[in-house]
Amino acid sequence: MNKGMTPKERLKAAFSLEAPDRTPVLGGWIACPSHIMEITGVDEKTYWENPQSVSIQAYQSLGTDGLVDVFVPTSRDTYRCVDHTTYAHSDKGMTLEEAVAEIDAMPSPEQIESNFDFESIYGEFRQSRQKMQECCGDMVWMPAEWAAGARVSWYSHFGYENFFLIIGMYPDRAQKLMEIGGAQGRCQSRLVARAVREGLHPHAVFLGEDICTQRGPMISPDFMEQYFAPQLRYGLEPLLEVGCRPVWHCDGDVRLLLDFLIDSGVQGLQGFQPECGMLLEEIVKRRTRDGEPLVIFGPLSVTTELPVCRPDEIEKKVHHAINVCKGNASLVLFTANTINPDIPLANIRAMYEAVKSS
């Protein structure tokens, strides 16, 4: 084991399934400006002059290795980074007939890929990456790429009601949506893959979608395996070709989907919600389709652990996760989801400090 690794070296070791000097830790999901201000010692006025810069300083102070996002509230009177204008709705204001007609008018997957101006889009993509990496300093900027791989959750576009009616009543249109999602996802994966080759992105990428509730998948696993899995496999190919490990976001009870996700090329998982049966002790037993250990981003719960435990209990849970993963999976410490204001700052500090004493 090497001593005194840089954040980049530490993450590279973890993504290569090698032993870093200590467990790497990710940041980016603290959705509580008062916590950010207290960590950095700035006042409210200074924070709102440049919330992104102040947030980056906070993560640097905590000892973060990689940054997947920077949450900035939609307004000064809330902690939320999404609101009623950006969140998915059951009714998007279109009829089912209008939704079906829109699908019929969509370009084919082949047209989407042929019309994708890769060089032009990648130029902007690269510039954005370089700019943010400069802001992050030694921390590795590795934002979640929700659009990479393939898309299944079209409910954000059509509304929940229309989307699920299309899945159940119009399988041909549902198949077209999955194929379009695969084409779009592959285009985004190509961008990330090139960034990996050029050293602008590490050899793991955070992606995935919310398609499960606490009781299981919103769509039947049979449908997902028949229509979505082939597109996900196709969309992940550019990443796998450059040795970049796709790490899937697990929200809710994802257990019924894990087999086809891994078979499609997913090589890591992020989460998890233990109250849904997503137990780290069971997940680390799984292997990629090539027989390798999984990369784990997690597993501290933002519902049953971080809001309610004492700092010393958080430290023990971090050490437990490290011990569970040792020899079984490559752990990069992270939370299951957003760190909201109900999580004490002392527990956030305890999570970060625990990896340094492991």
Protein backbone atom coordinates (compact mmCIF):
# COMPACT_ATOMS: atom_id res chain seq x y z
CA MET A 1 0.00 0.00 0.00
CA ASN A 2 1.38 3.42 -0.97
CA LYS A 3 1.50 6.18 1.64
CA GLY A 4 0.68 9.81 1.02
CA MET A 5 -1.22 9.46 -2.25
CA THR A 6 -2.80 12.47 -3.92
CA PRO A 7 -6.60 12.42 -4.38
CA LYS A 8 -6.11 11.56 -8.05
CA GLU A 9 -3.75 8.69 -7.23
CA ARG A 10 -6.06 7.45 -4.48
CA LEU A 11 -9.09 7.29 -6.79
CA LYS A 12 -7.05 5.78 -9.60
CA ALA A 13 -6.00 2.95 -7.29
CA ALA A 14 -9.59 2.32 -6.18
CA PHE A 15 -10.89 2.30 -9.75
CA SER A 16 -8.09 -0.07 -10.76
CA LEU A 17 -9.14 -2.43 -7.92
CA GLU A 18 -5.85 -1.77 -6.17
CA ALA A 19 -5.25 -0.74 -2.55
CA PRO A 20 -4.98 3.04 -1.96
CA ASP A 21 -3.22 4.48 1.08
CA ARG A 22 -6.67 5.01 2.60
CA THR A 23 -10.28 4.77 1.48
CA PRO A 24 -11.09 7.61 -0.94
CA VAL A 25 -14.09 9.79 -0.17
CA LEU A 26 -16.45 11.64 -2.50
CA GLY A 27 -18.27 14.90 -1.99
CA GLY A 28 -20.73 17.19 -3.69
CA TRP A 29 -24.10 16.35 -2.19
CA ILE A 30 -24.26 18.64 0.84
CA ALA A 31 -27.54 20.49 0.32
CA CYS A 32 -27.28 22.74 3.33
CA PRO A 33 -25.76 26.22 2.85
CA SER A 34 -25.42 26.76 6.60
CA HIS A 35 -23.18 23.69 6.83
CA ILE A 36 -21.06 24.94 3.92
CA MET A 37 -20.77 28.34 5.58
CA GLU A 38 -19.76 26.87 8.93
CA ILE A 39 -17.14 24.60 7.37
CA THR A 40 -15.53 27.51 5.52
CA GLY A 41 -16.16 30.20 8.12
CA VAL A 42 -17.79 32.60 5.65
CA ASP A 43 -20.91 34.67 6.21
CA GLU A 44 -24.12 34.47 4.21
CA LYS A 45 -23.24 37.44 2.02
CA THR A 46 -19.92 35.89 1.02
CA TYR A 47 -21.53 32.53 0.33
CA TRP A 48 -24.14 33.96 -2.03
CA GLU A 49 -21.56 36.00 -3.92
CA ASN A 50 -20.11 32.72 -5.22
CA PRO A 51 -21.79 29.62 -3.71
CA GLN A 52 -19.97 27.22 -6.02
CA SER A 53 -16.53 28.50 -5.06
CA VAL A 54 -17.34 28.50 -1.34
CA SER A 55 -18.73 24.96 -1.61
CA ILE A 56 -15.56 23.75 -3.30
CA GLN A 57 -13.54 25.28 -0.46
CA ALA A 58 -15.71 23.38 2.02
CA TYR A 59 -15.07 20.04 0.34
CA GLN A 60 -11.36 20.78 0.17
CA SER A 61 -11.38 21.54 3.89
CA LEU A 62 -13.13 18.24 4.64
CA GLY A 63 -10.48 16.28 2.74
CA THR A 64 -12.56 15.23 -0.28
CA ASP A 65 -10.86 13.22 -3.02
CA GLY A 66 -13.46 13.45 -5.79
CA LEU A 67 -16.35 15.83 -6.39
CA VAL A 68 -19.47 14.60 -8.23
CA ASP A 69 -21.54 17.79 -8.04
CA VAL A 70 -21.95 21.11 -6.25
CA PHE A 71 -25.45 21.66 -4.90
CA VAL A 72 -26.60 25.29 -4.93
CA PRO A 73 -30.13 26.10 -3.69
CA THR A 74 -32.63 27.50 -6.16
CA SER A 75 -33.14 30.51 -3.87
CA ARG A 76 -31.89 31.98 -0.59
CA ASP A 77 -34.93 30.81 1.38
CA THR A 78 -34.50 27.09 0.66
CA TYR A 79 -31.88 24.37 0.70
CA ARG A 80 -33.32 22.58 -2.35
CA CYS A 81 -31.46 22.48 -5.66
CA VAL A 82 -34.64 21.42 -7.47
CA ASP A 83 -38.09 22.95 -7.29
CA HIS A 84 -41.56 22.63 -8.81
CA THR A 85 -40.26 23.78 -12.20
CA THR A 86 -37.51 21.16 -12.44
CA TYR A 87 -38.92 18.10 -10.70
CA ALA A 88 -40.87 15.35 -12.45
CA HIS A 89 -44.67 15.62 -12.37
CA SER A 90 -47.44 13.08 -12.77
CA ASP A 91 -49.12 15.36 -15.31
CA LYS A 92 -46.99 17.42 -17.71
CA GLY A 93 -49.97 19.07 -19.36
CA MET A 94 -50.20 16.85 -22.45
CA THR A 95 -52.76 14.21 -23.29
CA LEU A 96 -51.82 10.59 -23.87
CA GLU A 97 -52.63 11.02 -27.56
CA GLU A 98 -50.28 14.01 -27.75
CA ALA A 99 -47.54 12.01 -26.06
CA VAL A 100 -47.91 9.14 -28.52
CA ALA A 101 -47.88 11.56 -31.45
CA GLU A 102 -44.69 13.16 -30.11
CA ILE A 103 -43.00 9.77 -29.94
CA ASP A 104 -44.04 9.03 -33.52
CA ALA A 105 -42.46 12.31 -34.62
CA MET A 106 -39.16 11.67 -32.84
CA PRO A 107 -36.11 10.92 -35.00
CA SER A 108 -34.92 7.35 -35.23
CA PRO A 109 -31.99 6.16 -33.11
CA GLU A 110 -29.89 6.04 -36.29
CA GLN A 111 -30.73 9.65 -37.08
CA ILE A 112 -29.85 10.73 -33.54
CA GLU A 113 -26.39 9.20 -33.76
CA SER A 114 -25.68 10.37 -37.31
CA ASN A 115 -26.71 13.94 -36.45
CA PHE A 116 -24.58 14.04 -33.29
CA ASP A 117 -21.87 16.65 -33.94
CA PHE A 118 -19.30 14.93 -31.76
CA GLU A 119 -16.29 17.18 -32.33
CA SER A 120 -18.19 20.40 -31.72
CA ILE A 121 -20.01 19.09 -28.66
CA TYR A 122 -16.86 17.53 -27.26
CA GLY A 123 -15.03 20.84 -27.55
CA GLU A 124 -17.54 22.45 -25.18
CA PHE A 125 -17.57 19.35 -22.98
CA ARG A 126 -13.78 19.40 -22.63
CA GLN A 127 -13.67 23.13 -21.94
CA SER A 128 -16.26 22.77 -19.17
CA ARG A 129 -14.33 19.89 -17.61
CA GLN A 130 -11.04 21.75 -17.68
CA LYS A 131 -12.58 24.87 -16.16
CA MET A 132 -14.16 22.98 -13.26
CA GLN A 133 -11.04 20.92 -12.64
CA GLU A 134 -9.07 24.15 -12.29
CA CYS A 135 -11.60 25.30 -9.68
CA CYS A 136 -11.33 22.01 -7.79
CA GLY A 137 -7.56 22.05 -7.44
CA ASP A 138 -6.27 18.69 -6.17
CA MET A 139 -9.77 17.26 -5.90
CA VAL A 140 -10.87 15.25 -8.92
CA TRP A 141 -13.86 16.74 -10.75
CA MET A 142 -15.90 13.70 -11.79
CA PRO A 143 -19.51 14.86 -12.21
CA ALA A 144 -22.34 12.39 -12.48
CA GLU A 145 -23.20 11.67 -16.11
CA TRP A 146 -26.90 10.90 -15.80
CA ALA A 147 -27.36 11.03 -19.57
CA ALA A 148 -24.70 8.39 -20.30
CA GLY A 149 -25.48 4.72 -20.92
CA ALA A 150 -29.18 4.70 -21.80
CA ARG A 151 -32.38 6.36 -20.73
CA VAL A 152 -35.39 4.60 -19.31
CA SER A 153 -37.11 7.24 -17.14
CA TRP A 154 -39.02 9.22 -19.72
CA TYR A 155 -41.53 10.16 -17.03
CA SER A 156 -39.65 13.43 -16.53
CA HIS A 157 -40.59 14.39 -20.09
CA PHE A 158 -44.09 12.95 -20.51
CA GLY A 159 -45.22 12.87 -16.88
CA TYR A 160 -45.65 9.74 -14.81
CA GLU A 161 -49.19 8.98 -15.98
CA ASN A 162 -48.49 9.17 -19.69
CA PHE A 163 -45.18 7.34 -19.39
CA PHE A 164 -46.58 4.33 -17.57
CA LEU A 165 -49.64 4.21 -19.83
CA ILE A 166 -47.32 4.13 -22.85
CA ILE A 167 -45.32 1.30 -21.26
CA GLY A 168 -48.49 -0.72 -20.71
CA MET A 169 -50.59 0.15 -23.77
CA TYR A 170 -48.12 1.00 -26.53
CA PRO A 171 -45.17 -1.43 -26.39
CA ASP A 172 -43.98 -0.39 -29.85
CA ARG A 173 -43.74 3.26 -28.75
CA ALA A 174 -42.14 2.20 -25.47
CA GLN A 175 -39.55 0.24 -27.43
CA LYS A 176 -38.82 3.29 -29.57
CA LEU A 177 -38.27 5.37 -26.44
CA MET A 178 -35.82 2.81 -25.10
CA GLU A 179 -33.95 2.73 -28.42
CA ILE A 180 -33.80 6.52 -28.56
CA GLY A 181 -32.54 6.53 -24.98
CA GLY A 182 -29.84 4.06 -25.94
CA ALA A 183 -28.70 6.20 -28.87
CA GLN A 184 -28.62 9.35 -26.76
CA GLY A 185 -26.84 7.56 -23.94
CA ARG A 186 -24.21 6.16 -26.28
CA CYS A 187 -23.51 9.65 -27.62
CA GLN A 188 -22.94 10.92 -24.09
CA SER A 189 -20.80 7.89 -23.25
CA ARG A 190 -18.60 8.67 -26.23
CA LEU A 191 -17.92 12.12 -24.77
CA VAL A 192 -16.96 10.67 -21.40
CA ALA A 193 -14.85 7.95 -23.03
CA ARG A 194 -12.82 10.52 -24.93
CA ALA A 195 -12.35 12.54 -21.74
CA VAL A 196 -11.07 9.37 -20.05
CA ARG A 197 -8.57 8.78 -22.87
CA GLU A 198 -7.36 12.38 -22.59
CA GLY A 199 -7.00 12.20 -18.81
CA LEU A 200 -9.88 14.62 -18.12
CA HIS A 201 -12.02 12.01 -16.36
CA PRO A 202 -11.06 9.12 -14.07
CA HIS A 203 -11.64 5.48 -14.96
CA ALA A 204 -15.07 5.35 -13.32
CA VAL A 205 -18.23 7.26 -14.09
CA PHE A 206 -21.29 7.81 -11.91
CA LEU A 207 -24.56 7.30 -13.80
CA GLY A 208 -27.98 5.64 -13.57
CA GLU A 209 -31.60 6.53 -13.02
CA ASP A 210 -34.33 6.49 -10.40
CA ILE A 211 -36.54 3.67 -11.65
CA CYS A 212 -37.27 1.94 -8.32
CA THR A 213 -39.39 2.76 -5.30
CA GLN A 214 -38.82 1.38 -1.82
CA ARG A 215 -40.91 -1.63 -2.88
CA GLY A 216 -39.08 -2.44 -6.10
CA PRO A 217 -38.95 -1.44 -9.78
CA MET A 218 -41.58 0.91 -11.22
CA ILE A 219 -41.51 -1.14 -14.43
CA SER A 220 -41.52 -4.93 -14.58
CA PRO A 221 -38.06 -6.51 -14.71
CA ASP A 222 -39.25 -8.52 -17.72
CA PHE A 223 -39.87 -5.31 -19.69
CA MET A 224 -36.58 -3.84 -18.53
CA GLU A 225 -34.62 -6.93 -19.58
CA GLN A 226 -36.32 -7.17 -22.98
CA TYR A 227 -36.33 -3.50 -24.02
CA PHE A 228 -33.96 -1.52 -21.80
CA ALA A 229 -31.08 -3.91 -21.13
CA PRO A 230 -29.97 -4.17 -24.80
CA GLN A 231 -29.89 -0.38 -25.04
CA LEU A 232 -27.97 -0.02 -21.80
CA ARG A 233 -25.45 -2.59 -23.03
CA TYR A 234 -25.09 -0.64 -26.27
CA GLY A 235 -24.83 2.71 -24.49
CA LEU A 236 -22.14 1.55 -22.07
CA GLU A 237 -19.86 0.09 -24.76
CA PRO A 238 -17.78 3.27 -25.34
CA LEU A 239 -17.02 3.48 -21.62
CA LEU A 240 -16.03 -0.14 -21.27
CA GLU A 241 -13.81 0.06 -24.34
CA VAL A 242 -11.58 2.65 -22.60
CA GLY A 243 -11.61 0.84 -19.25
CA CYS A 244 -14.02 3.21 -17.54
CA ARG A 245 -16.18 1.53 -14.89
CA PRO A 246 -19.88 2.54 -14.95
CA VAL A 247 -21.17 2.96 -11.37
CA TRP A 248 -24.97 2.76 -11.17
CA HIS A 249 -27.03 4.93 -8.80
CA CYS A 250 -29.22 2.70 -6.60
CA ASP A 251 -32.30 4.46 -5.24
CA GLY A 252 -34.95 2.30 -3.58
CA ASP A 253 -35.03 -1.49 -3.82
CA VAL A 254 -32.94 -2.26 -6.93
CA ARG A 255 -32.33 -5.94 -6.13
CA LEU A 256 -34.52 -7.33 -8.91
CA LEU A 257 -32.58 -5.32 -11.51
CA LEU A 258 -29.03 -6.04 -10.38
CA ASP A 259 -28.51 -9.15 -12.53
CA PHE A 260 -29.31 -7.47 -15.83
CA LEU A 261 -27.56 -4.23 -14.85
CA ILE A 262 -24.33 -6.11 -14.22
CA ASP A 263 -24.80 -8.26 -17.32
CA SER A 264 -25.23 -5.05 -19.34
CA GLY A 265 -21.83 -3.80 -18.23
CA VAL A 266 -22.39 -1.98 -14.94
CA GLN A 267 -19.24 -2.46 -12.84
CA GLY A 268 -20.12 -0.56 -9.71
CA LEU A 269 -23.05 0.50 -7.55
CA GLN A 270 -23.82 3.64 -5.56
CA GLY A 271 -26.23 3.91 -2.64
CA PHE A 272 -27.75 2.21 -0.68
CA GLN A 273 -31.00 2.15 1.30
CA PRO A 274 -30.66 -0.65 3.86
CA GLU A 275 -34.30 -0.22 4.85
CA CYS A 276 -35.14 -1.46 1.33
CA GLY A 277 -33.01 -4.58 1.65
CA MET A 278 -30.02 -3.08 -0.15
CA LEU A 279 -27.42 -4.44 2.27
CA LEU A 280 -23.73 -3.83 1.68
CA GLU A 281 -22.85 -7.24 3.10
CA GLU A 282 -24.82 -8.91 0.29
CA ILE A 283 -23.94 -6.50 -2.51
CA VAL A 284 -20.18 -6.91 -2.13
CA LYS A 285 -20.53 -10.61 -2.93
CA ARG A 286 -21.53 -9.78 -6.51
CA ARG A 287 -19.05 -9.67 -9.36
CA THR A 288 -18.95 -7.93 -12.73
CA ARG A 289 -19.67 -9.95 -15.85
CA ASP A 290 -15.88 -10.39 -16.13
CA GLY A 291 -15.69 -11.81 -12.62
CA GLU A 292 -14.12 -8.74 -10.98
CA PRO A 293 -15.13 -7.08 -7.70
CA LEU A 294 -17.52 -4.16 -7.89
CA VAL A 295 -16.64 -0.54 -7.20
CA ILE A 296 -18.85 0.77 -4.40
CA PHE A 297 -19.75 4.43 -3.91
CA GLY A 298 -21.38 4.57 -0.48
CA PRO A 299 -22.87 3.20 1.70
CA LEU A 300 -23.86 5.67 4.43
CA SER A 301 -27.63 6.10 4.60
CA VAL A 302 -29.10 9.61 4.70
CA THR A 303 -32.30 8.29 6.26
CA THR A 304 -31.44 5.66 8.88
CA GLU A 305 -27.83 6.55 9.79
CA LEU A 306 -26.46 10.04 9.20
CA PRO A 307 -29.49 11.98 10.57
CA VAL A 308 -29.97 9.90 13.74
CA CYS A 309 -26.62 8.43 14.81
CA ARG A 310 -24.00 10.00 17.06
CA PRO A 311 -20.64 10.96 15.53
CA ASP A 312 -18.92 8.01 17.21
CA GLU A 313 -21.54 5.70 15.71
CA ILE A 314 -20.93 7.18 12.26
CA GLU A 315 -17.23 6.50 12.69
CA LYS A 316 -17.97 2.87 13.53
CA LYS A 317 -20.25 2.53 10.49
CA VAL A 318 -17.52 3.88 8.23
CA HIS A 319 -15.00 1.43 9.64
CA HIS A 320 -17.55 -1.38 9.28
CA ALA A 321 -18.09 -0.52 5.59
CA ILE A 322 -14.33 -0.48 5.00
CA ASN A 323 -13.96 -3.89 6.65
CA VAL A 324 -16.91 -5.38 4.74
CA CYS A 325 -15.46 -4.22 1.42
CA LYS A 326 -11.89 -5.27 2.17
CA GLY A 327 -11.06 -8.14 -0.18
CA ASN A 328 -14.61 -8.09 -1.58
CA ALA A 329 -15.16 -4.75 -3.34
CA SER A 330 -13.36 -1.47 -4.01
CA LEU A 331 -14.88 1.14 -1.70
CA VAL A 332 -15.07 4.88 -2.33
CA LEU A 333 -16.87 6.36 0.67
CA PHE A 334 -19.98 8.36 -0.18
CA THR A 335 -23.57 8.81 0.94
CA ALA A 336 -26.65 7.04 -0.35
CA ASN A 337 -28.21 10.33 -1.40
CA THR A 338 -28.40 14.05 -0.66
CA ILE A 339 -27.10 15.38 2.66
CA ASN A 340 -30.05 17.52 3.75
CA PRO A 341 -30.20 19.94 6.73
CA ASP A 342 -31.52 17.20 9.04
CA ILE A 343 -28.00 15.68 9.08
CA PRO A 344 -25.83 17.29 11.78
CA LEU A 345 -22.57 18.81 10.60
CA ALA A 346 -20.79 16.82 13.31
CA ASN A 347 -21.85 13.62 11.57
CA ILE A 348 -20.58 14.85 8.21
CA ARG A 349 -17.23 15.66 9.78
CA ALA A 350 -17.18 12.28 11.51
CA MET A 351 -17.73 10.52 8.17
CA TYR A 352 -14.78 12.28 6.57
CA GLU A 353 -12.51 11.94 9.61
CA ALA A 354 -13.24 8.22 9.95
CA VAL A 355 -11.48 7.32 6.70
CA LYS A 356 -8.31 8.99 7.95
CA SER A 357 -8.22 6.79 11.05
CA SER A 358 -9.05 3.52 9.33
